Amino acid sequence: PYLLGDPRVRYEYNDWNAVMASGTGGVAYLNA
């Protein structure tokens, strides 16, 4: 929402102090 310019966003990442970041993945799955 931040990078899309969502009007509901009232936060600014550049004001915050990042101390840790981690990647992840995602899995899509179907019913049997």
PDB file of all heavy atoms in Angstrom:
ATOM      1  N   PRO A   1       0.819  -1.221   0.000  1.00  0.00           N
ATOM      2  CA  PRO A   1       0.000   0.000   0.000  1.00  0.00           C
ATOM      3  C   PRO A   1       0.849   1.267   0.000  1.00  0.00           C
ATOM      4  O   PRO A   1       0.481   2.273  -0.606  1.00  0.00           O
ATOM      5  CB  PRO A   1      -0.826  -0.124   1.288  1.00  0.00           C
ATOM      6  CG  PRO A   1      -0.869  -1.583   1.576  1.00  0.00           C
ATOM      7  CD  PRO A   1       0.466  -2.107   1.130  1.00  0.00           C
ATOM      8  N   TYR A   2       1.989   1.206   0.678  1.00  0.00           N
ATOM      9  CA  TYR A   2       2.906   2.350   0.733  1.00  0.00           C
ATOM     10  C   TYR A   2       3.444   2.679  -0.653  1.00  0.00           C
ATOM     11  O   TYR A   2       3.409   3.827  -1.106  1.00  0.00           O
ATOM     12  CB  TYR A   2       4.046   2.024   1.698  1.00  0.00           C
ATOM     13  CG  TYR A   2       5.169   3.025   1.716  1.00  0.00           C
ATOM     14  CD1 TYR A   2       5.108   4.171   2.507  1.00  0.00           C
ATOM     15  CD2 TYR A   2       6.323   2.817   0.952  1.00  0.00           C
ATOM     16  CE1 TYR A   2       6.153   5.082   2.533  1.00  0.00           C
ATOM     17  CE2 TYR A   2       7.368   3.725   0.970  1.00  0.00           C
ATOM     18  CZ  TYR A   2       7.282   4.854   1.759  1.00  0.00           C
ATOM     19  OH  TYR A   2       8.318   5.757   1.780  1.00  0.00           O
ATOM     20  N   LEU A   3       3.939   1.668  -1.355  1.00  0.00           N
ATOM     21  CA  LEU A   3       4.547   1.964  -2.653  1.00  0.00           C
ATOM     22  C   LEU A   3       3.515   2.183  -3.754  1.00  0.00           C
ATOM     23  O   LEU A   3       3.826   2.778  -4.789  1.00  0.00           O
ATOM     24  CB  LEU A   3       5.555   0.876  -3.049  1.00  0.00           C
ATOM     25  CG  LEU A   3       5.101  -0.566  -3.218  1.00  0.00           C
ATOM     26  CD1 LEU A   3       4.574  -0.819  -4.610  1.00  0.00           C
ATOM     27  CD2 LEU A   3       6.284  -1.515  -2.958  1.00  0.00           C
ATOM     28  N   LEU A   4       2.262   1.767  -3.517  1.00  0.00           N
ATOM     29  CA  LEU A   4       1.191   2.027  -4.479  1.00  0.00           C
ATOM     30  C   LEU A   4       0.520   3.387  -4.256  1.00  0.00           C
ATOM     31  O   LEU A   4      -0.319   3.799  -5.058  1.00  0.00           O
ATOM     32  CB  LEU A   4       0.134   0.926  -4.409  1.00  0.00           C
ATOM     33  CG  LEU A   4       0.492  -0.404  -5.071  1.00  0.00           C
ATOM     34  CD1 LEU A   4      -0.531  -1.477  -4.697  1.00  0.00           C
ATOM     35  CD2 LEU A   4       0.570  -0.260  -6.593  1.00  0.00           C
ATOM     36  N   GLY A   5       0.859   4.055  -3.162  1.00  0.00           N
ATOM     37  CA  GLY A   5       0.229   5.336  -2.871  1.00  0.00           C
ATOM     38  C   GLY A   5      -1.180   5.213  -2.358  1.00  0.00           C
ATOM     39  O   GLY A   5      -2.019   6.097  -2.585  1.00  0.00           O
ATOM     40  N   ASP A   6      -1.477   4.144  -1.630  1.00  0.00           N
ATOM     41  CA  ASP A   6      -2.804   3.945  -1.053  1.00  0.00           C
ATOM     42  C   ASP A   6      -3.125   5.123  -0.122  1.00  0.00           C
ATOM     43  O   ASP A   6      -2.341   5.453   0.764  1.00  0.00           O
ATOM     44  CB  ASP A   6      -2.825   2.632  -0.268  1.00  0.00           C
ATOM     45  CG  ASP A   6      -4.224   2.205   0.154  1.00  0.00           C
ATOM     46  OD1 ASP A   6      -4.993   3.060   0.640  1.00  0.00           O
ATOM     47  OD2 ASP A   6      -4.555   1.013   0.002  1.00  0.00           O
ATOM     48  N   PRO A   7      -4.277   5.786  -0.310  1.00  0.00           N
ATOM     49  CA  PRO A   7      -4.590   6.975   0.501  1.00  0.00           C
ATOM     50  C   PRO A   7      -4.785   6.676   1.982  1.00  0.00           C
ATOM     51  O   PRO A   7      -4.773   7.601   2.804  1.00  0.00           O
ATOM     52  CB  PRO A   7      -5.881   7.506  -0.137  1.00  0.00           C
ATOM     53  CG  PRO A   7      -6.482   6.335  -0.843  1.00  0.00           C
ATOM     54  CD  PRO A   7      -5.323   5.522  -1.332  1.00  0.00           C
ATOM     55  N   ARG A   8      -4.945   5.414   2.342  1.00  0.00           N
ATOM     56  CA  ARG A   8      -5.108   5.064   3.762  1.00  0.00           C
ATOM     57  C   ARG A   8      -3.781   5.044   4.500  1.00  0.00           C
ATOM     58  O   ARG A   8      -3.750   4.974   5.733  1.00  0.00           O
ATOM     59  CB  ARG A   8      -5.791   3.698   3.873  1.00  0.00           C
ATOM     60  CG  ARG A   8      -7.236   3.689   3.396  1.00  0.00           C
ATOM     61  CD  ARG A   8      -7.778   2.290   3.270  1.00  0.00           C
ATOM     62  NE  ARG A   8      -7.135   1.564   2.164  1.00  0.00           N
ATOM     63  CZ  ARG A   8      -7.483   0.357   1.754  1.00  0.00           C
ATOM     64  NH1 ARG A   8      -8.466  -0.277   2.378  1.00  0.00           N
ATOM     65  NH2 ARG A   8      -6.865  -0.227   0.736  1.00  0.00           N
ATOM     66  N   VAL A   9      -2.693   5.099   3.762  1.00  0.00           N
ATOM     67  CA  VAL A   9      -1.366   5.051   4.370  1.00  0.00           C
ATOM     68  C   VAL A   9      -1.032   6.392   5.021  1.00  0.00           C
ATOM     69  O   VAL A   9      -1.068   7.442   4.371  1.00  0.00           O
ATOM     70  CB  VAL A   9      -0.301   4.696   3.314  1.00  0.00           C
ATOM     71  CG1 VAL A   9       1.106   4.927   3.857  1.00  0.00           C
ATOM     72  CG2 VAL A   9      -0.469   3.250   2.864  1.00  0.00           C
ATOM     73  N   ARG A  10      -0.708   6.344   6.300  1.00  0.00           N
ATOM     74  CA  ARG A  10      -0.283   7.524   7.040  1.00  0.00           C
ATOM     75  C   ARG A  10       1.096   7.306   7.651  1.00  0.00           C
ATOM     76  O   ARG A  10       1.470   7.956   8.615  1.00  0.00           O
ATOM     77  CB  ARG A  10      -1.307   7.840   8.161  1.00  0.00           C
ATOM     78  CG  ARG A  10      -2.703   8.168   7.660  1.00  0.00           C
ATOM     79  CD  ARG A  10      -2.748   9.526   6.966  1.00  0.00           C
ATOM     80  NE  ARG A  10      -4.105   9.898   6.570  1.00  0.00           N
ATOM     81  CZ  ARG A  10      -4.668   9.608   5.408  1.00  0.00           C
ATOM     82  NH1 ARG A  10      -3.962   8.910   4.510  1.00  0.00           N
ATOM     83  NH2 ARG A  10      -5.900   9.958   5.132  1.00  0.00           N
ATOM     84  N   TYR A  11       1.828   6.374   7.099  1.00  0.00           N
ATOM     85  CA  TYR A  11       3.147   6.058   7.647  1.00  0.00           C
ATOM     86  C   TYR A  11       4.221   6.286   6.599  1.00  0.00           C
ATOM     87  O   TYR A  11       3.969   6.252   5.401  1.00  0.00           O
ATOM     88  CB  TYR A  11       3.205   4.622   8.177  1.00  0.00           C
ATOM     89  CG  TYR A  11       2.698   3.545   7.229  1.00  0.00           C
ATOM     90  CD1 TYR A  11       3.561   2.876   6.350  1.00  0.00           C
ATOM     91  CD2 TYR A  11       1.351   3.167   7.234  1.00  0.00           C
ATOM     92  CE1 TYR A  11       3.097   1.879   5.505  1.00  0.00           C
ATOM     93  CE2 TYR A  11       0.881   2.177   6.401  1.00  0.00           C
ATOM     94  CZ  TYR A  11       1.752   1.529   5.533  1.00  0.00           C
ATOM     95  OH  TYR A  11       1.292   0.543   4.698  1.00  0.00           O
ATOM     96  N   GLU A  12       5.428   6.538   7.102  1.00  0.00           N
ATOM     97  CA  GLU A  12       6.570   6.809   6.232  1.00  0.00           C
ATOM     98  C   GLU A  12       7.742   5.926   6.675  1.00  0.00           C
ATOM     99  O   GLU A  12       8.317   6.115   7.749  1.00  0.00           O
ATOM    100  CB  GLU A  12       6.963   8.288   6.316  1.00  0.00           C
ATOM    101  CG  GLU A  12       8.219   8.652   5.548  1.00  0.00           C
ATOM    102  CD  GLU A  12       8.219   8.141   4.130  1.00  0.00           C
ATOM    103  OE1 GLU A  12       7.359   8.609   3.337  1.00  0.00           O
ATOM    104  OE2 GLU A  12       9.053   7.269   3.813  1.00  0.00           O
ATOM    105  N   TYR A  13       8.062   4.954   5.840  1.00  0.00           N
ATOM    106  CA  TYR A  13       9.136   4.016   6.172  1.00  0.00           C
ATOM    107  C   TYR A  13      10.462   4.718   6.444  1.00  0.00           C
ATOM    108  O   TYR A  13      11.253   4.260   7.280  1.00  0.00           O
ATOM    109  CB  TYR A  13       9.322   3.017   5.029  1.00  0.00           C
ATOM    110  CG  TYR A  13       8.429   1.803   5.105  1.00  0.00           C
ATOM    111  CD1 TYR A  13       7.321   1.676   4.276  1.00  0.00           C
ATOM    112  CD2 TYR A  13       8.707   0.763   5.989  1.00  0.00           C
ATOM    113  CE1 TYR A  13       6.507   0.559   4.335  1.00  0.00           C
ATOM    114  CE2 TYR A  13       7.900  -0.358   6.063  1.00  0.00           C
ATOM    115  CZ  TYR A  13       6.799  -0.461   5.225  1.00  0.00           C
ATOM    116  OH  TYR A  13       5.999  -1.574   5.297  1.00  0.00           O
ATOM    117  N   ASN A  14      10.724   5.793   5.749  1.00  0.00           N
ATOM    118  CA  ASN A  14      11.999   6.476   5.915  1.00  0.00           C
ATOM    119  C   ASN A  14      12.158   7.126   7.284  1.00  0.00           C
ATOM    120  O   ASN A  14      13.269   7.534   7.655  1.00  0.00           O
ATOM    121  CB  ASN A  14      12.177   7.534   4.824  1.00  0.00           C
ATOM    122  CG  ASN A  14      12.333   6.912   3.449  1.00  0.00           C
ATOM    123  OD1 ASN A  14      12.986   5.881   3.300  1.00  0.00           O
ATOM    124  ND2 ASN A  14      11.724   7.512   2.434  1.00  0.00           N
ATOM    125  N   ASP A  15      11.073   7.230   8.043  1.00  0.00           N
ATOM    126  CA  ASP A  15      11.152   7.760   9.401  1.00  0.00           C
ATOM    127  C   ASP A  15      11.599   6.696  10.408  1.00  0.00           C
ATOM    128  O   ASP A  15      12.014   7.029  11.519  1.00  0.00           O
ATOM    129  CB  ASP A  15       9.799   8.321   9.845  1.00  0.00           C
ATOM    130  CG  ASP A  15       9.394   9.565   9.087  1.00  0.00           C
ATOM    131  OD1 ASP A  15      10.271  10.182   8.454  1.00  0.00           O
ATOM    132  OD2 ASP A  15       8.195   9.912   9.120  1.00  0.00           O
ATOM    133  N   TRP A  16      11.459   5.429  10.032  1.00  0.00           N
ATOM    134  CA  TRP A  16      11.707   4.335  10.952  1.00  0.00           C
ATOM    135  C   TRP A  16      13.146   3.837  10.858  1.00  0.00           C
ATOM    136  O   TRP A  16      13.851   4.131   9.899  1.00  0.00           O
ATOM    137  CB  TRP A  16      10.749   3.178  10.683  1.00  0.00           C
ATOM    138  CG  TRP A  16       9.299   3.536  10.682  1.00  0.00           C
ATOM    139  CD1 TRP A  16       8.726   4.682  11.132  1.00  0.00           C
ATOM    140  CD2 TRP A  16       8.219   2.727  10.188  1.00  0.00           C
ATOM    141  NE1 TRP A  16       7.362   4.652  10.963  1.00  0.00           N
ATOM    142  CE2 TRP A  16       7.021   3.458  10.387  1.00  0.00           C
ATOM    143  CE3 TRP A  16       8.141   1.466   9.615  1.00  0.00           C
ATOM    144  CZ2 TRP A  16       5.771   2.964  10.014  1.00  0.00           C
ATOM    145  CZ3 TRP A  16       6.899   0.963   9.252  1.00  0.00           C
ATOM    146  CH2 TRP A  16       5.727   1.698   9.456  1.00  0.00           C
ATOM    147  N   ASN A  17      13.555   3.074  11.850  1.00  0.00           N
ATOM    148  CA  ASN A  17      14.912   2.550  11.915  1.00  0.00           C
ATOM    149  C   ASN A  17      14.894   1.029  11.748  1.00  0.00           C
ATOM    150  O   ASN A  17      14.515   0.291  12.673  1.00  0.00           O
ATOM    151  CB  ASN A  17      15.545   2.912  13.263  1.00  0.00           C
ATOM    152  CG  ASN A  17      15.610   4.407  13.489  1.00  0.00           C
ATOM    153  OD1 ASN A  17      16.409   5.103  12.881  1.00  0.00           O
ATOM    154  ND2 ASN A  17      14.734   4.926  14.368  1.00  0.00           N
ATOM    155  N   ALA A  18      15.269   0.569  10.558  1.00  0.00           N
ATOM    156  CA  ALA A  18      15.297  -0.868  10.277  1.00  0.00           C
ATOM    157  C   ALA A  18      16.501  -1.503  10.959  1.00  0.00           C
ATOM    158  O   ALA A  18      17.628  -1.057  10.767  1.00  0.00           O
ATOM    159  CB  ALA A  18      15.346  -1.115   8.773  1.00  0.00           C
ATOM    160  N   VAL A  19      16.267  -2.538  11.759  1.00  0.00           N
ATOM    161  CA  VAL A  19      17.370  -3.222  12.445  1.00  0.00           C
ATOM    162  C   VAL A  19      17.524  -4.671  11.992  1.00  0.00           C
ATOM    163  O   VAL A  19      18.556  -5.304  12.256  1.00  0.00           O
ATOM    164  CB  VAL A  19      17.190  -3.173  13.979  1.00  0.00           C
ATOM    165  CG1 VAL A  19      17.438  -1.748  14.483  1.00  0.00           C
ATOM    166  CG2 VAL A  19      15.806  -3.649  14.407  1.00  0.00           C
ATOM    167  N   MET A  20      16.511  -5.205  11.315  1.00  0.00           N
ATOM    168  CA  MET A  20      16.606  -6.559  10.779  1.00  0.00           C
ATOM    169  C   MET A  20      15.629  -6.702   9.632  1.00  0.00           C
ATOM    170  O   MET A  20      14.536  -6.136   9.657  1.00  0.00           O
ATOM    171  CB  MET A  20      16.302  -7.600  11.866  1.00  0.00           C
ATOM    172  CG  MET A  20      16.543  -9.055  11.436  1.00  0.00           C
ATOM    173  SD  MET A  20      15.072  -9.844  10.716  1.00  0.00           S
ATOM    174  CE  MET A  20      14.132 -10.244  12.210  1.00  0.00           C
ATOM    175  N   ALA A  21      16.042  -7.424   8.602  1.00  0.00           N
ATOM    176  CA  ALA A  21      15.164  -7.719   7.470  1.00  0.00           C
ATOM    177  C   ALA A  21      15.419  -9.145   7.036  1.00  0.00           C
ATOM    178  O   ALA A  21      16.558  -9.628   7.085  1.00  0.00           O
ATOM    179  CB  ALA A  21      15.431  -6.754   6.312  1.00  0.00           C
ATOM    180  N   SER A  22      14.367  -9.828   6.632  1.00  0.00           N
ATOM    181  CA  SER A  22      14.541 -11.201   6.184  1.00  0.00           C
ATOM    182  C   SER A  22      13.631 -11.488   5.007  1.00  0.00           C
ATOM    183  O   SER A  22      12.551 -10.915   4.871  1.00  0.00           O
ATOM    184  CB  SER A  22      14.265 -12.200   7.317  1.00  0.00           C
ATOM    185  OG  SER A  22      12.939 -12.097   7.780  1.00  0.00           O
ATOM    186  N   GLY A  23      14.106 -12.354   4.162  1.00  0.00           N
ATOM    187  CA  GLY A  23      13.316 -12.773   3.016  1.00  0.00           C
ATOM    188  C   GLY A  23      12.405 -13.923   3.384  1.00  0.00           C
ATOM    189  O   GLY A  23      12.523 -14.535   4.449  1.00  0.00           O
ATOM    190  N   THR A  24      11.512 -14.217   2.489  1.00  0.00           N
ATOM    191  CA  THR A  24      10.654 -15.381   2.658  1.00  0.00           C
ATOM    192  C   THR A  24      10.204 -15.822   1.279  1.00  0.00           C
ATOM    193  O   THR A  24      10.615 -15.263   0.263  1.00  0.00           O
ATOM    194  CB  THR A  24       9.454 -15.075   3.569  1.00  0.00           C
ATOM    195  OG1 THR A  24       8.770 -16.295   3.893  1.00  0.00           O
ATOM    196  CG2 THR A  24       8.470 -14.140   2.898  1.00  0.00           C
ATOM    197  N   GLY A  25       9.396 -16.841   1.253  1.00  0.00           N
ATOM    198  CA  GLY A  25       8.814 -17.315   0.007  1.00  0.00           C
ATOM    199  C   GLY A  25       7.325 -17.485   0.192  1.00  0.00           C
ATOM    200  O   GLY A  25       6.755 -17.065   1.204  1.00  0.00           O
ATOM    201  N   GLY A  26       6.687 -18.084  -0.774  1.00  0.00           N
ATOM    202  CA  GLY A  26       5.254 -18.339  -0.675  1.00  0.00           C
ATOM    203  C   GLY A  26       4.893 -19.579  -1.465  1.00  0.00           C
ATOM    204  O   GLY A  26       5.517 -19.884  -2.485  1.00  0.00           O
ATOM    205  N   VAL A  27       3.899 -20.313  -0.973  1.00  0.00           N
ATOM    206  CA  VAL A  27       3.439 -21.532  -1.636  1.00  0.00           C
ATOM    207  C   VAL A  27       1.932 -21.443  -1.848  1.00  0.00           C
ATOM    208  O   VAL A  27       1.173 -21.191  -0.911  1.00  0.00           O
ATOM    209  CB  VAL A  27       3.760 -22.789  -0.803  1.00  0.00           C
ATOM    210  CG1 VAL A  27       3.330 -24.044  -1.557  1.00  0.00           C
ATOM    211  CG2 VAL A  27       5.247 -22.856  -0.474  1.00  0.00           C
ATOM    212  N   ALA A  28       1.505 -21.645  -3.098  1.00  0.00           N
ATOM    213  CA  ALA A  28       0.078 -21.725  -3.416  1.00  0.00           C
ATOM    214  C   ALA A  28      -0.317 -23.191  -3.470  1.00  0.00           C
ATOM    215  O   ALA A  28       0.449 -24.031  -3.964  1.00  0.00           O
ATOM    216  CB  ALA A  28      -0.192 -21.061  -4.767  1.00  0.00           C
ATOM    217  N   TYR A  29      -1.511 -23.494  -2.973  1.00  0.00           N
ATOM    218  CA  TYR A  29      -1.953 -24.885  -2.959  1.00  0.00           C
ATOM    219  C   TYR A  29      -3.455 -24.975  -3.194  1.00  0.00           C
ATOM    220  O   TYR A  29      -4.207 -23.999  -3.032  1.00  0.00           O
ATOM    221  CB  TYR A  29      -1.542 -25.583  -1.659  1.00  0.00           C
ATOM    222  CG  TYR A  29      -1.949 -24.870  -0.386  1.00  0.00           C
ATOM    223  CD1 TYR A  29      -3.118 -25.202   0.292  1.00  0.00           C
ATOM    224  CD2 TYR A  29      -1.143 -23.869   0.153  1.00  0.00           C
ATOM    225  CE1 TYR A  29      -3.476 -24.573   1.469  1.00  0.00           C
ATOM    226  CE2 TYR A  29      -1.492 -23.219   1.331  1.00  0.00           C
ATOM    227  CZ  TYR A  29      -2.653 -23.575   1.986  1.00  0.00           C
ATOM    228  OH  TYR A  29      -3.010 -22.935   3.148  1.00  0.00           O
ATOM    229  N   LEU A  30      -3.885 -26.169  -3.616  1.00  0.00           N
ATOM    230  CA  LEU A  30      -5.259 -26.442  -4.017  1.00  0.00           C
ATOM    231  C   LEU A  30      -5.873 -27.478  -3.089  1.00  0.00           C
ATOM    232  O   LEU A  30      -5.157 -28.240  -2.425  1.00  0.00           O
ATOM    233  CB  LEU A  30      -5.291 -26.991  -5.455  1.00  0.00           C
ATOM    234  CG  LEU A  30      -4.534 -26.199  -6.517  1.00  0.00           C
ATOM    235  CD1 LEU A  30      -4.234 -27.090  -7.717  1.00  0.00           C
ATOM    236  CD2 LEU A  30      -5.333 -24.988  -6.938  1.00  0.00           C
ATOM    237  N   ASN A  31      -7.210 -27.544  -3.064  1.00  0.00           N
ATOM    238  CA  ASN A  31      -7.826 -28.634  -2.327  1.00  0.00           C
ATOM    239  C   ASN A  31      -7.585 -29.945  -3.081  1.00  0.00           C
ATOM    240  O   ASN A  31      -7.163 -29.957  -4.246  1.00  0.00           O
ATOM    241  CB  ASN A  31      -9.310 -28.376  -2.068  1.00  0.00           C
ATOM    242  CG  ASN A  31     -10.132 -28.290  -3.341  1.00  0.00           C
ATOM    243  OD1 ASN A  31      -9.749 -28.801  -4.398  1.00  0.00           O
ATOM    244  ND2 ASN A  31     -11.289 -27.650  -3.256  1.00  0.00           N
ATOM    245  N   ALA A  32      -7.819 -31.057  -2.416  1.00  0.00           N
ATOM    246  CA  ALA A  32      -7.464 -32.360  -2.988  1.00  0.00           C
ATOM    247  C   ALA A  32      -8.195 -32.634  -4.289  1.00  0.00           C
ATOM    248  O   ALA A  32      -7.620 -33.164  -5.253  1.00  0.00           O
ATOM    249  CB  ALA A  32      -7.739 -33.462  -1.964  1.00  0.00           C
TER     250      ALA A  32
END
